[in-house]
Amino acid sequence: MNSKNIERLYKMSFAGVYPHYITKVEKKGRTIAELHEVIFWLTGYDEEDLMHILANKTNFEIFFAEAPLLHPNATKITGVICGDRIENIEDDLVRKVRYLDKLVDELAKGRPMEKILRK
């Protein structure tokens, strides 16, 4: 990912991507509640926090910077997403966004929740 794309990612609104996450998981028979469980597991946010983030159109940089707690098992999220091997991504924010992308992909693919949440 080049520096221009990284810069765009930092400024991208979470609220702008969130509807795409919903569409992706619902198309595959998963629920918004399951999507929220994944988001909350990764970030430590809760429902009230999420509604505030969406209302304020918080960008990804702030979304992850203000996350109460990145789950300690997030480093167990590995594999390829958008052509990049997650564990090799050097930029901290890009890696966190790809963690979330990978979790949403796994949810949409019907993976069991206990595996998605690295239990």
N, C-alpha and C. Protein backbone atom coordinates (compact mmCIF):
# COMPACT_ATOMS: atom_id res chain seq x y z
N MET A 1 0.86 -1.18 0.00
CA MET A 1 0.00 0.00 0.00
C MET A 1 0.90 1.23 0.00
N ASN A 2 0.67 2.12 -0.94
CA ASN A 2 1.53 3.30 -1.01
C ASN A 2 1.10 4.36 -0.01
N SER A 3 1.95 5.36 0.19
CA SER A 3 1.71 6.36 1.23
C SER A 3 0.44 7.18 0.97
N LYS A 4 0.09 7.39 -0.28
CA LYS A 4 -1.14 8.14 -0.60
C LYS A 4 -2.38 7.35 -0.15
N ASN A 5 -2.38 6.05 -0.41
CA ASN A 5 -3.50 5.20 0.02
C ASN A 5 -3.57 5.08 1.53
N ILE A 6 -2.42 5.02 2.17
CA ILE A 6 -2.38 4.96 3.64
C ILE A 6 -2.98 6.23 4.21
N GLU A 7 -2.61 7.36 3.64
CA GLU A 7 -3.14 8.65 4.09
C GLU A 7 -4.66 8.71 3.94
N ARG A 8 -5.17 8.19 2.82
CA ARG A 8 -6.63 8.14 2.59
C ARG A 8 -7.30 7.27 3.64
N LEU A 9 -6.67 6.15 3.98
CA LEU A 9 -7.23 5.23 4.97
C LEU A 9 -7.33 5.91 6.33
N TYR A 10 -6.32 6.67 6.72
CA TYR A 10 -6.34 7.38 7.99
C TYR A 10 -7.53 8.32 8.09
N LYS A 11 -7.89 8.94 6.96
CA LYS A 11 -8.95 9.95 6.96
C LYS A 11 -10.33 9.37 6.64
N MET A 12 -10.38 8.12 6.21
CA MET A 12 -11.64 7.50 5.82
C MET A 12 -12.56 7.36 7.04
N SER A 13 -13.81 7.72 6.84
CA SER A 13 -14.80 7.65 7.92
C SER A 13 -15.23 6.21 8.17
N PHE A 14 -15.21 5.80 9.43
CA PHE A 14 -15.71 4.47 9.78
C PHE A 14 -17.18 4.36 9.37
N ALA A 15 -17.94 5.44 9.55
CA ALA A 15 -19.37 5.45 9.19
C ALA A 15 -19.57 5.22 7.70
N GLY A 16 -18.59 5.59 6.88
CA GLY A 16 -18.69 5.38 5.45
C GLY A 16 -18.49 3.91 5.06
N VAL A 17 -17.74 3.17 5.85
CA VAL A 17 -17.44 1.77 5.56
C VAL A 17 -18.43 0.84 6.25
N TYR A 18 -18.93 1.26 7.38
CA TYR A 18 -19.83 0.43 8.21
C TYR A 18 -21.02 -0.15 7.42
N PRO A 19 -21.73 0.62 6.58
CA PRO A 19 -22.84 0.02 5.82
C PRO A 19 -22.39 -1.12 4.89
N HIS A 20 -21.16 -1.03 4.39
CA HIS A 20 -20.63 -2.09 3.54
C HIS A 20 -20.38 -3.36 4.36
N TYR A 21 -19.92 -3.19 5.60
CA TYR A 21 -19.76 -4.34 6.49
C TYR A 21 -21.12 -5.02 6.71
N ILE A 22 -22.14 -4.20 6.97
CA ILE A 22 -23.48 -4.75 7.21
C ILE A 22 -23.96 -5.53 5.98
N THR A 23 -23.86 -4.90 4.82
CA THR A 23 -24.29 -5.55 3.58
C THR A 23 -23.56 -6.88 3.38
N LYS A 24 -22.27 -6.87 3.59
CA LYS A 24 -21.46 -8.06 3.38
C LYS A 24 -21.90 -9.21 4.28
N VAL A 25 -22.11 -8.94 5.56
CA VAL A 25 -22.46 -10.04 6.48
C VAL A 25 -23.91 -10.47 6.32
N GLU A 26 -24.81 -9.51 6.07
CA GLU A 26 -26.22 -9.87 5.92
C GLU A 26 -26.47 -10.69 4.65
N LYS A 27 -25.73 -10.40 3.57
CA LYS A 27 -25.86 -11.18 2.33
C LYS A 27 -25.57 -12.65 2.58
N LYS A 28 -24.74 -12.91 3.55
CA LYS A 28 -24.33 -14.28 3.85
C LYS A 28 -25.08 -14.88 5.04
N GLY A 29 -26.16 -14.20 5.47
CA GLY A 29 -27.00 -14.75 6.53
C GLY A 29 -26.54 -14.48 7.94
N ARG A 30 -25.58 -13.59 8.11
CA ARG A 30 -25.13 -13.23 9.45
C ARG A 30 -25.88 -11.96 9.88
N THR A 31 -25.77 -11.60 11.15
CA THR A 31 -26.57 -10.50 11.69
C THR A 31 -25.72 -9.28 12.06
N ILE A 32 -26.39 -8.16 12.20
CA ILE A 32 -25.72 -6.95 12.67
C ILE A 32 -25.21 -7.17 14.09
N ALA A 33 -25.95 -7.91 14.90
CA ALA A 33 -25.51 -8.20 16.28
C ALA A 33 -24.18 -8.95 16.26
N GLU A 34 -24.02 -9.88 15.32
CA GLU A 34 -22.75 -10.61 15.21
C GLU A 34 -21.64 -9.68 14.73
N LEU A 35 -21.95 -8.80 13.80
CA LEU A 35 -20.97 -7.81 13.35
C LEU A 35 -20.52 -6.96 14.52
N HIS A 36 -21.47 -6.49 15.31
CA HIS A 36 -21.14 -5.67 16.47
C HIS A 36 -20.28 -6.45 17.46
N GLU A 37 -20.60 -7.71 17.67
CA GLU A 37 -19.80 -8.54 18.58
C GLU A 37 -18.34 -8.57 18.13
N VAL A 38 -18.12 -8.71 16.84
CA VAL A 38 -16.78 -8.74 16.29
C VAL A 38 -16.08 -7.39 16.49
N ILE A 39 -16.77 -6.30 16.19
CA ILE A 39 -16.20 -4.96 16.35
C ILE A 39 -15.86 -4.71 17.82
N PHE A 40 -16.78 -5.05 18.71
CA PHE A 40 -16.57 -4.81 20.14
C PHE A 40 -15.44 -5.67 20.68
N TRP A 41 -15.35 -6.91 20.20
CA TRP A 41 -14.27 -7.81 20.65
C TRP A 41 -12.91 -7.21 20.27
N LEU A 42 -12.79 -6.74 19.03
CA LEU A 42 -11.50 -6.22 18.56
C LEU A 42 -11.12 -4.93 19.25
N THR A 43 -12.08 -4.03 19.46
CA THR A 43 -11.76 -2.66 19.88
C THR A 43 -12.04 -2.34 21.35
N GLY A 44 -12.93 -3.09 21.98
CA GLY A 44 -13.33 -2.75 23.35
C GLY A 44 -14.47 -1.75 23.40
N TYR A 45 -14.93 -1.28 22.25
CA TYR A 45 -16.08 -0.37 22.22
C TYR A 45 -17.35 -1.12 22.63
N ASP A 46 -18.40 -0.35 22.93
CA ASP A 46 -19.72 -0.93 23.19
C ASP A 46 -20.73 -0.26 22.27
N GLU A 47 -21.98 -0.65 22.41
CA GLU A 47 -23.04 -0.15 21.51
C GLU A 47 -23.14 1.38 21.54
N GLU A 48 -23.10 1.96 22.73
CA GLU A 48 -23.20 3.42 22.86
C GLU A 48 -22.02 4.10 22.16
N ASP A 49 -20.82 3.55 22.36
CA ASP A 49 -19.64 4.10 21.68
C ASP A 49 -19.80 4.05 20.17
N LEU A 50 -20.28 2.91 19.67
CA LEU A 50 -20.43 2.74 18.23
C LEU A 50 -21.41 3.75 17.65
N MET A 51 -22.52 3.97 18.32
CA MET A 51 -23.51 4.94 17.83
C MET A 51 -22.90 6.35 17.79
N HIS A 52 -22.09 6.67 18.77
CA HIS A 52 -21.41 7.97 18.81
C HIS A 52 -20.41 8.09 17.65
N ILE A 53 -19.66 7.04 17.41
CA ILE A 53 -18.68 7.01 16.32
C ILE A 53 -19.37 7.20 14.97
N LEU A 54 -20.48 6.50 14.78
CA LEU A 54 -21.21 6.61 13.52
C LEU A 54 -21.81 8.00 13.34
N ALA A 55 -22.39 8.55 14.40
CA ALA A 55 -23.02 9.87 14.33
C ALA A 55 -22.00 10.97 14.03
N ASN A 56 -20.80 10.81 14.58
CA ASN A 56 -19.75 11.83 14.40
C ASN A 56 -18.88 11.60 13.17
N LYS A 57 -19.16 10.51 12.43
CA LYS A 57 -18.37 10.19 11.24
C LYS A 57 -16.87 10.14 11.55
N THR A 58 -16.56 9.49 12.66
CA THR A 58 -15.18 9.35 13.13
C THR A 58 -14.34 8.62 12.08
N ASN A 59 -13.13 9.14 11.84
CA ASN A 59 -12.26 8.48 10.86
C ASN A 59 -11.54 7.30 11.51
N PHE A 60 -10.93 6.46 10.68
CA PHE A 60 -10.29 5.25 11.18
C PHE A 60 -9.13 5.57 12.12
N GLU A 61 -8.41 6.63 11.87
CA GLU A 61 -7.29 6.99 12.75
C GLU A 61 -7.79 7.21 14.17
N ILE A 62 -8.83 8.00 14.32
CA ILE A 62 -9.39 8.27 15.65
C ILE A 62 -10.11 7.04 16.20
N PHE A 63 -10.81 6.31 15.32
CA PHE A 63 -11.53 5.10 15.72
C PHE A 63 -10.60 4.15 16.47
N PHE A 64 -9.43 3.89 15.91
CA PHE A 64 -8.51 2.97 16.58
C PHE A 64 -7.69 3.64 17.67
N ALA A 65 -7.37 4.93 17.52
CA ALA A 65 -6.60 5.62 18.56
C ALA A 65 -7.38 5.71 19.86
N GLU A 66 -8.70 5.87 19.76
CA GLU A 66 -9.54 6.01 20.96
C GLU A 66 -10.19 4.71 21.40
N ALA A 67 -9.89 3.61 20.71
CA ALA A 67 -10.45 2.32 21.10
C ALA A 67 -10.03 2.00 22.53
N PRO A 68 -10.99 1.61 23.37
CA PRO A 68 -10.67 1.34 24.77
C PRO A 68 -9.56 0.30 24.95
N LEU A 69 -9.59 -0.76 24.13
CA LEU A 69 -8.59 -1.81 24.28
C LEU A 69 -8.59 -2.70 23.05
N LEU A 70 -7.49 -2.70 22.31
CA LEU A 70 -7.37 -3.64 21.22
C LEU A 70 -7.20 -5.02 21.86
N HIS A 71 -8.02 -5.97 21.46
CA HIS A 71 -8.01 -7.29 22.09
C HIS A 71 -6.61 -7.90 22.01
N PRO A 72 -6.14 -8.48 23.13
CA PRO A 72 -4.80 -9.08 23.13
C PRO A 72 -4.63 -10.19 22.10
N ASN A 73 -5.70 -10.86 21.71
CA ASN A 73 -5.62 -11.92 20.71
C ASN A 73 -5.68 -11.41 19.28
N ALA A 74 -5.73 -10.09 19.10
CA ALA A 74 -5.79 -9.54 17.74
C ALA A 74 -4.57 -9.97 16.93
N THR A 75 -3.44 -10.16 17.59
CA THR A 75 -2.23 -10.57 16.86
C THR A 75 -2.36 -11.98 16.29
N LYS A 76 -3.36 -12.73 16.73
CA LYS A 76 -3.61 -14.07 16.19
C LYS A 76 -4.37 -14.03 14.87
N ILE A 77 -4.79 -12.82 14.46
CA ILE A 77 -5.49 -12.65 13.19
C ILE A 77 -4.42 -12.59 12.10
N THR A 78 -4.37 -13.64 11.29
CA THR A 78 -3.35 -13.72 10.26
C THR A 78 -4.00 -14.06 8.93
N GLY A 79 -3.21 -14.03 7.91
CA GLY A 79 -3.70 -14.36 6.59
C GLY A 79 -3.57 -13.19 5.64
N VAL A 80 -4.19 -13.34 4.48
CA VAL A 80 -4.09 -12.33 3.43
C VAL A 80 -5.43 -11.61 3.30
N ILE A 81 -5.35 -10.29 3.24
CA ILE A 81 -6.53 -9.46 3.01
C ILE A 81 -6.11 -8.32 2.07
N CYS A 82 -6.89 -8.10 1.06
CA CYS A 82 -6.58 -7.07 0.05
C CYS A 82 -5.17 -7.25 -0.53
N GLY A 83 -4.75 -8.51 -0.66
CA GLY A 83 -3.46 -8.80 -1.26
C GLY A 83 -2.27 -8.66 -0.34
N ASP A 84 -2.50 -8.29 0.91
CA ASP A 84 -1.40 -8.10 1.86
C ASP A 84 -1.50 -9.13 2.98
N ARG A 85 -0.36 -9.70 3.37
CA ARG A 85 -0.31 -10.60 4.51
C ARG A 85 -0.36 -9.73 5.76
N ILE A 86 -1.40 -9.92 6.57
CA ILE A 86 -1.67 -9.05 7.72
C ILE A 86 -0.47 -8.94 8.65
N GLU A 87 0.13 -10.08 8.97
CA GLU A 87 1.23 -10.07 9.93
C GLU A 87 2.48 -9.35 9.43
N ASN A 88 2.54 -9.03 8.14
CA ASN A 88 3.69 -8.31 7.57
C ASN A 88 3.42 -6.82 7.37
N ILE A 89 2.24 -6.35 7.68
CA ILE A 89 1.90 -4.94 7.49
C ILE A 89 2.61 -4.12 8.57
N GLU A 90 3.42 -3.17 8.14
CA GLU A 90 4.22 -2.40 9.09
C GLU A 90 3.44 -1.26 9.73
N ASP A 91 2.60 -0.58 8.98
CA ASP A 91 1.85 0.55 9.52
C ASP A 91 0.81 0.04 10.52
N ASP A 92 0.87 0.53 11.75
CA ASP A 92 0.01 0.06 12.84
C ASP A 92 -1.48 0.23 12.52
N LEU A 93 -1.86 1.39 12.02
CA LEU A 93 -3.28 1.63 11.72
C LEU A 93 -3.75 0.74 10.58
N VAL A 94 -2.97 0.63 9.54
CA VAL A 94 -3.36 -0.22 8.40
C VAL A 94 -3.55 -1.65 8.88
N ARG A 95 -2.64 -2.13 9.73
CA ARG A 95 -2.76 -3.50 10.26
C ARG A 95 -4.05 -3.66 11.05
N LYS A 96 -4.41 -2.68 11.88
CA LYS A 96 -5.65 -2.76 12.68
C LYS A 96 -6.89 -2.75 11.78
N VAL A 97 -6.88 -1.92 10.76
CA VAL A 97 -8.02 -1.89 9.82
C VAL A 97 -8.13 -3.23 9.12
N ARG A 98 -7.01 -3.81 8.74
CA ARG A 98 -7.03 -5.12 8.08
C ARG A 98 -7.47 -6.23 9.04
N TYR A 99 -7.14 -6.09 10.33
CA TYR A 99 -7.68 -7.03 11.33
C TYR A 99 -9.20 -7.02 11.25
N LEU A 100 -9.77 -5.82 11.28
CA LEU A 100 -11.22 -5.70 11.23
C LEU A 100 -11.77 -6.24 9.91
N ASP A 101 -11.14 -5.91 8.81
CA ASP A 101 -11.58 -6.43 7.51
C ASP A 101 -11.57 -7.96 7.50
N LYS A 102 -10.53 -8.55 8.05
CA LYS A 102 -10.41 -10.01 8.07
C LYS A 102 -11.50 -10.63 8.93
N LEU A 103 -11.80 -10.02 10.08
CA LEU A 103 -12.86 -10.54 10.95
C LEU A 103 -14.21 -10.47 10.25
N VAL A 104 -14.48 -9.38 9.56
CA VAL A 104 -15.74 -9.23 8.82
C VAL A 104 -15.81 -10.27 7.70
N ASP A 105 -14.71 -10.50 7.01
CA ASP A 105 -14.67 -11.52 5.96
C ASP A 105 -14.97 -12.90 6.54
N GLU A 106 -14.35 -13.21 7.67
CA GLU A 106 -14.57 -14.52 8.29
C GLU A 106 -16.03 -14.68 8.72
N LEU A 107 -16.61 -13.61 9.25
CA LEU A 107 -18.02 -13.64 9.65
C LEU A 107 -18.89 -13.90 8.42
N ALA A 108 -18.62 -13.19 7.34
CA ALA A 108 -19.41 -13.34 6.11
C ALA A 108 -19.24 -14.73 5.49
N LYS A 109 -18.11 -15.34 5.70
CA LYS A 109 -17.87 -16.68 5.14
C LYS A 109 -18.47 -17.78 6.00
N GLY A 110 -19.12 -17.41 7.10
CA GLY A 110 -19.81 -18.40 7.92
C GLY A 110 -18.94 -19.10 8.94
N ARG A 111 -17.77 -18.57 9.19
CA ARG A 111 -16.89 -19.17 10.19
C ARG A 111 -17.56 -19.10 11.56
N PRO A 112 -17.38 -20.12 12.40
CA PRO A 112 -17.98 -20.10 13.74
C PRO A 112 -17.42 -18.93 14.57
N MET A 113 -18.30 -18.31 15.36
CA MET A 113 -17.92 -17.13 16.14
C MET A 113 -16.73 -17.41 17.07
N GLU A 114 -16.68 -18.59 17.67
CA GLU A 114 -15.57 -18.86 18.60
C GLU A 114 -14.22 -18.87 17.86
N LYS A 115 -14.22 -19.25 16.60
CA LYS A 115 -12.97 -19.19 15.82
C LYS A 115 -12.64 -17.77 15.39
N ILE A 116 -13.67 -17.02 15.00
CA ILE A 116 -13.48 -15.63 14.62
C ILE A 116 -12.87 -14.84 15.78
N LEU A 117 -13.37 -15.10 16.98
CA LEU A 117 -12.91 -14.37 18.17
C LEU A 117 -11.68 -14.99 18.81
N ARG A 118 -11.05 -15.91 18.10
CA ARG A 118 -9.78 -16.51 18.53
C ARG A 118 -9.83 -17.04 19.94
N LYS A 119 -10.88 -17.82 20.24
CA LYS A 119 -11.03 -18.39 21.59
C LYS A 119 -10.32 -19.71 21.70
